[in-house]
Amino acid sequence: MRLGEFDVVEPLPEDEDIIAISILRPWINVGRVGTLVLTSLERHLGASELGRLARPGSFFDFTRYRPRTRVVEGRRRLNIPNTIVNYAHDSESDKSYMFLHIREPHSNGEDYADAIVSFMKRFKVVEHCRIGGMYDSVPHTRPVLVTGTMNEDKASRTEGLVSMRRSTYQGPTSIVNMVSNLLEDSDIESTSLMAHLPQYVQLEEDHMGKSRLMEALCSMYGFPDSLIRPDRGRKQYQEISSAIQNNNEVRRLIRQFEQYYDRIQSSTPRAERGEDITLAPSVEGFLRELGERLDNGDAPLENGFSDDGESDDGEQPDRTE
């Protein structure tokens, strides 16, 4: 069945008050933390596909999001990158959820945002929660910082887990932010959670970031704590500490990040103003070099901790050709 720009799977859910949880790939999904969280929630709730774009080529450049071929039981299959929406009803809480795996569009961005908003309105979504991860000047030796925007009730439930400081960023952003703006204009509640991950060590899958996001979501929506699973993330970060033990430059960098982290987590007026820490010239040079290497697609450090790009592993297969 066609619904706007989406092909949807029948029968359609008739639930009301659906909560939509979305991720935006690839830019706001570093460490694949959003993908990991959504996949865990979908498996826990037994989610199934609700819809996907009927013509993803209207919005995506397939020389940038490459289709992939696989051979399954002797038959060649073509996986086409897409924006996919899954749905589940949680019988324990009697809540319904829509999970949106959104990709950054390359063209017709306004139409793309309109299509996503129309889809959510059709299924009577009452809240849209955006989750994701970004790299930041934070140390791996402190709890992963999660910032967010939410109402007072959710802020109370996540006290100690989520920092409510608003971002002061100004500059280039994603056209997909239109989705939240349009939903807010329609009086649909908007919530966001962002995990801030250490930029000096970039894991393909950051399970510490994933567990911190999941912990916040469990507090907000009542998912079982068994979904948090912090052990794998702790092991990853312990391995990072071992790997950098003899790298004095990185250790100096981390000490400055620890000072910055402790300050922004305090309630001092300076931290509330969002002032940045003044880094040593050698550290600033290191970060500039790191940024240039990331822009060129190189590994951030020579210790093997690198992200080779957004993976499609685990994504549900697209159309078969």
Protein backbone atom coordinates (compact mmCIF):
# COMPACT_ATOMS: atom_id res chain seq x y z
CA MET A 1 0.00 0.00 0.00
CA ARG A 2 1.33 3.44 -0.90
CA LEU A 3 1.10 6.22 1.67
CA GLY A 4 2.67 9.44 0.44
CA GLU A 5 6.32 8.71 -0.35
CA PHE A 6 6.22 5.43 1.59
CA ASP A 7 5.27 1.86 0.79
CA VAL A 8 3.57 0.52 3.93
CA VAL A 9 2.94 -3.01 5.12
CA GLU A 10 -0.66 -4.00 5.82
CA PRO A 11 -2.55 -4.41 8.07
CA LEU A 12 -1.88 -0.94 9.44
CA PRO A 13 -1.72 -0.45 13.21
CA GLU A 14 -4.72 1.35 14.65
CA ASP A 15 -3.05 2.34 17.91
CA GLU A 16 -3.15 5.90 19.10
CA ASP A 17 -0.52 7.85 21.05
CA ILE A 18 2.42 6.23 19.26
CA ILE A 19 5.92 7.28 20.39
CA ALA A 20 8.41 7.68 17.54
CA ILE A 21 12.13 7.13 18.22
CA SER A 22 14.45 8.08 15.38
CA ILE A 23 18.11 8.10 14.42
CA LEU A 24 19.81 10.04 11.62
CA ARG A 25 22.52 8.28 9.68
CA PRO A 26 25.38 8.71 9.21
CA TRP A 27 26.34 12.05 10.77
CA ILE A 28 24.48 11.93 14.08
CA ASN A 29 25.16 8.24 14.64
CA VAL A 30 28.86 8.09 15.53
CA GLY A 31 29.90 4.85 17.13
CA ARG A 32 26.64 3.55 15.65
CA VAL A 33 25.12 4.21 19.09
CA GLY A 34 21.71 5.14 17.67
CA THR A 35 21.59 2.07 15.47
CA LEU A 36 22.64 -0.20 18.34
CA VAL A 37 19.96 1.22 20.64
CA LEU A 38 17.16 1.02 18.07
CA THR A 39 18.14 -2.53 17.10
CA SER A 40 18.09 -3.63 20.75
CA LEU A 41 14.67 -2.06 21.34
CA GLU A 42 13.26 -3.58 18.17
CA ARG A 43 14.48 -7.04 19.10
CA HIS A 44 13.15 -6.73 22.63
CA LEU A 45 9.70 -5.65 21.45
CA GLY A 46 9.56 -7.88 18.38
CA ALA A 47 9.21 -4.95 15.97
CA SER A 48 8.33 -5.52 12.33
CA GLU A 49 8.58 -3.34 9.27
CA LEU A 50 5.86 -0.75 8.84
CA GLY A 51 7.15 1.09 5.80
CA ARG A 52 10.01 2.36 3.66
CA LEU A 53 10.45 4.92 0.92
CA ALA A 54 8.91 3.70 -2.33
CA ARG A 55 11.52 5.52 -4.45
CA PRO A 56 14.61 6.19 -2.29
CA GLY A 57 16.46 7.45 -5.37
CA SER A 58 14.29 10.57 -5.21
CA PHE A 59 16.27 11.62 -2.13
CA PHE A 60 19.53 9.65 -2.04
CA ASP A 61 22.60 9.68 -4.29
CA PHE A 62 23.52 6.05 -4.83
CA THR A 63 27.11 6.96 -5.66
CA ARG A 64 27.36 8.08 -2.01
CA TYR A 65 25.08 5.50 -0.37
CA ARG A 66 26.15 2.45 -2.34
CA PRO A 67 23.69 -0.38 -3.01
CA ARG A 68 25.12 -3.77 -2.10
CA THR A 69 24.80 -7.14 -3.74
CA ARG A 70 24.59 -10.45 -1.90
CA VAL A 71 24.17 -14.02 -3.02
CA VAL A 72 21.57 -15.84 -0.91
CA GLU A 73 20.81 -19.49 -1.70
CA GLY A 74 22.32 -19.07 -5.14
CA ARG A 75 20.26 -15.98 -5.96
CA ARG A 76 21.72 -12.49 -6.32
CA ARG A 77 20.03 -9.88 -4.16
CA LEU A 78 20.34 -6.11 -4.33
CA ASN A 79 20.10 -4.12 -1.09
CA ILE A 80 19.14 -0.52 -1.82
CA PRO A 81 19.83 2.08 0.90
CA ASN A 82 16.56 3.40 2.27
CA THR A 83 14.78 5.06 5.17
CA ILE A 84 13.01 2.28 7.05
CA VAL A 85 10.27 2.49 9.69
CA ASN A 86 9.54 -0.35 12.10
CA TYR A 87 6.66 -0.69 14.56
CA ALA A 88 6.01 -2.54 17.82
CA HIS A 89 3.47 -2.63 20.62
CA ASP A 90 4.79 -3.17 24.13
CA SER A 91 2.21 -5.36 25.82
CA GLU A 92 3.74 -4.85 29.27
CA SER A 93 3.38 -1.06 29.23
CA ASP A 94 0.58 -0.95 26.64
CA LYS A 95 2.59 1.61 24.66
CA SER A 96 3.21 1.60 20.92
CA TYR A 97 6.47 2.60 19.27
CA MET A 98 7.60 3.60 15.81
CA PHE A 99 11.34 3.25 15.08
CA LEU A 100 12.67 5.39 12.23
CA HIS A 101 16.04 4.67 10.63
CA ILE A 102 16.43 7.98 8.79
CA ARG A 103 19.20 8.68 6.29
CA GLU A 104 20.52 12.12 5.48
CA PRO A 105 19.06 13.09 2.07
CA HIS A 106 21.16 14.40 -0.81
CA SER A 107 18.33 16.12 -2.69
CA ASN A 108 14.71 17.28 -2.28
CA GLY A 109 15.32 17.71 1.44
CA GLU A 110 12.15 19.71 2.12
CA ASP A 111 9.97 17.10 0.43
CA TYR A 112 11.79 14.40 2.38
CA ALA A 113 11.08 16.11 5.71
CA ASP A 114 7.45 16.68 4.73
CA ALA A 115 7.08 13.00 3.82
CA ILE A 116 8.43 11.82 7.19
CA VAL A 117 6.21 14.24 9.10
CA SER A 118 3.11 13.24 7.11
CA PHE A 119 3.87 9.58 7.79
CA MET A 120 4.11 10.15 11.53
CA LYS A 121 0.95 12.24 11.60
CA ARG A 122 -0.96 9.53 9.73
CA PHE A 123 -0.16 7.10 12.54
CA LYS A 124 -1.05 9.60 15.27
CA VAL A 125 2.43 10.00 16.73
CA VAL A 126 2.26 12.07 19.92
CA GLU A 127 5.98 12.28 20.67
CA HIS A 128 9.14 12.25 18.58
CA CYS A 129 12.38 11.32 20.38
CA ARG A 130 15.64 11.80 18.47
CA ILE A 131 18.67 9.84 19.68
CA GLY A 132 22.23 9.78 18.43
CA GLY A 133 25.90 10.30 19.10
CA MET A 134 28.48 12.96 18.33
CA TYR A 135 32.20 13.33 18.91
CA ASP A 136 33.20 15.85 21.55
CA SER A 137 36.10 17.01 23.71
CA VAL A 138 35.28 14.51 26.46
CA PRO A 139 37.43 11.82 28.13
CA HIS A 140 36.72 8.11 28.06
CA THR A 141 37.69 8.07 31.75
CA ARG A 142 34.43 9.72 32.80
CA PRO A 143 30.80 8.55 32.38
CA VAL A 144 29.57 9.19 28.83
CA LEU A 145 27.92 12.60 28.78
CA VAL A 146 24.33 12.54 27.51
CA THR A 147 22.60 15.85 26.79
CA GLY A 148 18.95 16.25 25.94
CA THR A 149 15.81 18.30 25.66
CA MET A 150 12.59 17.05 27.24
CA ASN A 151 9.66 18.03 29.41
CA GLU A 152 9.86 18.36 33.19
CA ASP A 153 8.45 14.91 33.86
CA LYS A 154 11.10 13.17 31.74
CA ALA A 155 13.81 15.44 33.12
CA SER A 156 12.84 14.28 36.61
CA ARG A 157 12.97 10.61 35.57
CA THR A 158 16.44 11.01 34.00
CA GLU A 159 17.95 13.22 36.69
CA GLY A 160 21.64 12.34 37.01
CA LEU A 161 21.65 10.63 33.60
CA VAL A 162 20.94 13.48 31.19
CA SER A 163 22.33 17.00 31.21
CA MET A 164 19.69 19.54 30.27
CA ARG A 165 22.17 22.16 29.03
CA ARG A 166 21.11 23.46 25.65
CA SER A 167 23.52 23.40 22.73
CA THR A 168 24.99 26.76 21.73
CA TYR A 169 26.13 25.45 18.34
CA GLN A 170 25.55 27.70 15.34
CA GLY A 171 26.50 26.64 11.83
CA PRO A 172 25.84 24.00 9.17
CA THR A 173 23.29 21.38 10.14
CA SER A 174 21.01 18.71 8.71
CA ILE A 175 17.87 19.48 6.72
CA VAL A 176 16.26 16.64 8.70
CA ASN A 177 16.00 19.08 11.63
CA MET A 178 12.96 20.33 9.71
CA VAL A 179 11.15 17.20 10.90
CA SER A 180 11.29 18.25 14.55
CA ASN A 181 10.41 21.84 13.70
CA LEU A 182 7.36 20.79 11.70
CA LEU A 183 6.21 18.39 14.41
CA GLU A 184 6.58 21.06 17.08
CA ASP A 185 4.50 23.42 14.93
CA SER A 186 1.78 20.74 15.11
CA ASP A 187 2.06 20.54 18.91
CA ILE A 188 3.73 17.11 18.81
CA GLU A 189 6.15 16.71 21.70
CA SER A 190 9.84 16.75 20.80
CA THR A 191 12.50 14.99 22.88
CA SER A 192 16.19 14.45 22.14
CA LEU A 193 19.10 12.49 23.60
CA MET A 194 22.70 12.90 22.41
CA ALA A 195 25.67 10.84 23.61
CA HIS A 196 28.97 12.76 23.55
CA LEU A 197 31.81 10.37 22.70
CA PRO A 198 35.59 10.92 22.91
CA GLN A 199 36.85 12.22 19.58
CA TYR A 200 40.42 10.99 20.04
CA VAL A 201 39.38 7.32 19.94
CA GLN A 202 36.65 6.41 17.48
CA LEU A 203 35.13 2.97 17.81
CA GLU A 204 33.15 1.41 14.99
CA GLU A 205 30.63 0.39 17.65
CA ASP A 206 30.76 2.30 20.93
CA HIS A 207 28.91 0.12 23.42
CA MET A 208 29.52 2.45 26.36
CA GLY A 209 27.72 5.22 24.49
CA LYS A 210 24.97 2.78 23.57
CA SER A 211 24.45 1.65 27.17
CA ARG A 212 24.25 5.25 28.44
CA LEU A 213 21.62 6.16 25.84
CA MET A 214 19.70 3.00 26.65
CA GLU A 215 19.85 3.80 30.37
CA ALA A 216 18.23 7.18 29.71
CA LEU A 217 15.53 5.65 27.49
CA CYS A 218 14.76 2.97 30.10
CA SER A 219 14.22 5.70 32.68
CA MET A 220 12.06 7.76 30.31
CA TYR A 221 9.82 5.03 28.90
CA GLY A 222 10.01 2.17 31.39
CA PHE A 223 11.97 -0.33 29.30
CA PRO A 224 13.59 -3.08 31.43
CA ASP A 225 17.05 -2.34 32.84
CA SER A 226 18.27 -5.64 31.37
CA LEU A 227 18.58 -3.80 28.03
CA ILE A 228 21.33 -1.50 29.35
CA ARG A 229 24.13 -4.12 29.35
CA PRO A 230 27.15 -1.95 30.25
CA ASP A 231 29.78 -4.72 30.51
CA ARG A 232 30.86 -4.69 26.85
CA GLY A 233 31.28 -0.91 26.90
CA ARG A 234 33.33 -1.02 30.09
CA LYS A 235 35.64 -3.59 28.53
CA GLN A 236 36.07 -1.45 25.39
CA TYR A 237 37.04 1.63 27.42
CA GLN A 238 39.40 -0.41 29.62
CA GLU A 239 41.14 -1.58 26.44
CA ILE A 240 41.47 2.06 25.35
CA SER A 241 43.17 2.93 28.65
CA SER A 242 45.62 0.08 28.16
CA ALA A 243 46.33 1.07 24.56
CA ILE A 244 47.23 4.68 25.38
CA GLN A 245 49.24 3.96 28.51
CA ASN A 246 52.53 4.79 26.79
CA ASN A 247 51.22 7.67 24.65
CA ASN A 248 52.10 10.77 26.67
CA GLU A 249 50.54 13.16 24.16
CA VAL A 250 47.15 11.50 24.38
CA ARG A 251 47.38 11.20 28.16
CA ARG A 252 47.99 14.96 28.42
CA LEU A 253 45.01 15.52 26.13
CA ILE A 254 42.81 13.34 28.32
CA ARG A 255 43.82 15.19 31.49
CA GLN A 256 42.68 18.47 29.93
CA PHE A 257 39.44 16.86 28.78
CA GLU A 258 38.87 15.58 32.30
CA GLN A 259 39.21 19.13 33.64
CA TYR A 260 36.76 20.38 31.01
CA TYR A 261 34.30 17.56 31.71
CA ASP A 262 34.39 18.10 35.47
CA ARG A 263 33.81 21.81 35.00
CA ILE A 264 30.80 21.51 32.68
CA GLN A 265 29.29 18.92 35.01
CA SER A 266 29.59 21.32 37.94
CA SER A 267 27.03 24.02 38.66
CA THR A 268 29.44 26.94 38.44
CA PRO A 269 28.27 30.04 36.54
CA ARG A 270 31.14 29.65 34.09
CA ALA A 271 30.02 26.15 33.17
CA GLU A 272 26.44 27.33 32.76
CA ARG A 273 27.65 29.94 30.28
CA GLY A 274 29.16 27.12 28.24
CA GLU A 275 32.67 28.58 28.07
CA ASP A 276 35.29 26.30 26.55
CA ILE A 277 38.45 25.26 28.29
CA THR A 278 41.68 26.80 27.00
CA LEU A 279 43.75 23.93 25.67
CA ALA A 280 47.51 23.87 25.50
CA PRO A 281 48.94 24.72 22.03
CA SER A 282 50.28 21.18 21.64
CA VAL A 283 46.82 19.74 22.36
CA GLU A 284 45.15 22.16 19.94
CA GLY A 285 47.66 21.09 17.29
CA PHE A 286 46.89 17.45 17.99
CA LEU A 287 43.16 18.07 17.58
CA ARG A 288 43.68 19.96 14.33
CA GLU A 289 45.74 17.07 12.98
CA LEU A 290 43.06 14.65 14.17
CA GLY A 291 40.35 16.64 12.38
CA GLU A 292 42.34 16.68 9.15
CA ARG A 293 42.88 12.93 9.31
CA LEU A 294 39.19 12.33 9.92
CA ASP A 295 38.26 14.59 7.00
CA ASN A 296 40.54 12.47 4.81
CA GLY A 297 39.01 9.24 6.10
CA ASP A 298 42.18 8.15 7.93
CA ALA A 299 42.36 6.45 11.29
CA PRO A 300 42.42 8.94 14.16
CA LEU A 301 45.22 7.21 16.06
CA GLU A 302 47.80 4.57 15.29
CA ASN A 303 46.41 2.27 17.98
CA GLY A 304 43.84 0.65 15.73
CA PHE A 305 40.77 2.36 17.14
CA SER A 306 39.20 3.74 13.99
CA ASP A 307 35.83 4.01 12.31
CA ASP A 308 35.82 2.86 8.71
CA GLY A 309 32.51 4.52 7.95
CA GLU A 310 28.84 3.83 8.51
CA SER A 311 28.15 0.15 8.21
CA ASP A 312 24.98 -1.33 6.83
CA ASP A 313 25.44 -4.52 8.84
CA GLY A 314 22.27 -5.41 10.65
CA GLU A 315 20.00 -3.32 8.42
CA GLN A 316 16.99 -5.14 7.12
CA PRO A 317 17.31 -6.13 3.47
CA ASP A 318 15.96 -3.74 0.87
CA ARG A 319 14.21 -4.66 -2.37
CA THR A 320 15.35 -7.83 -4.12
CA GLU A 321 16.33 -7.63 -7.75
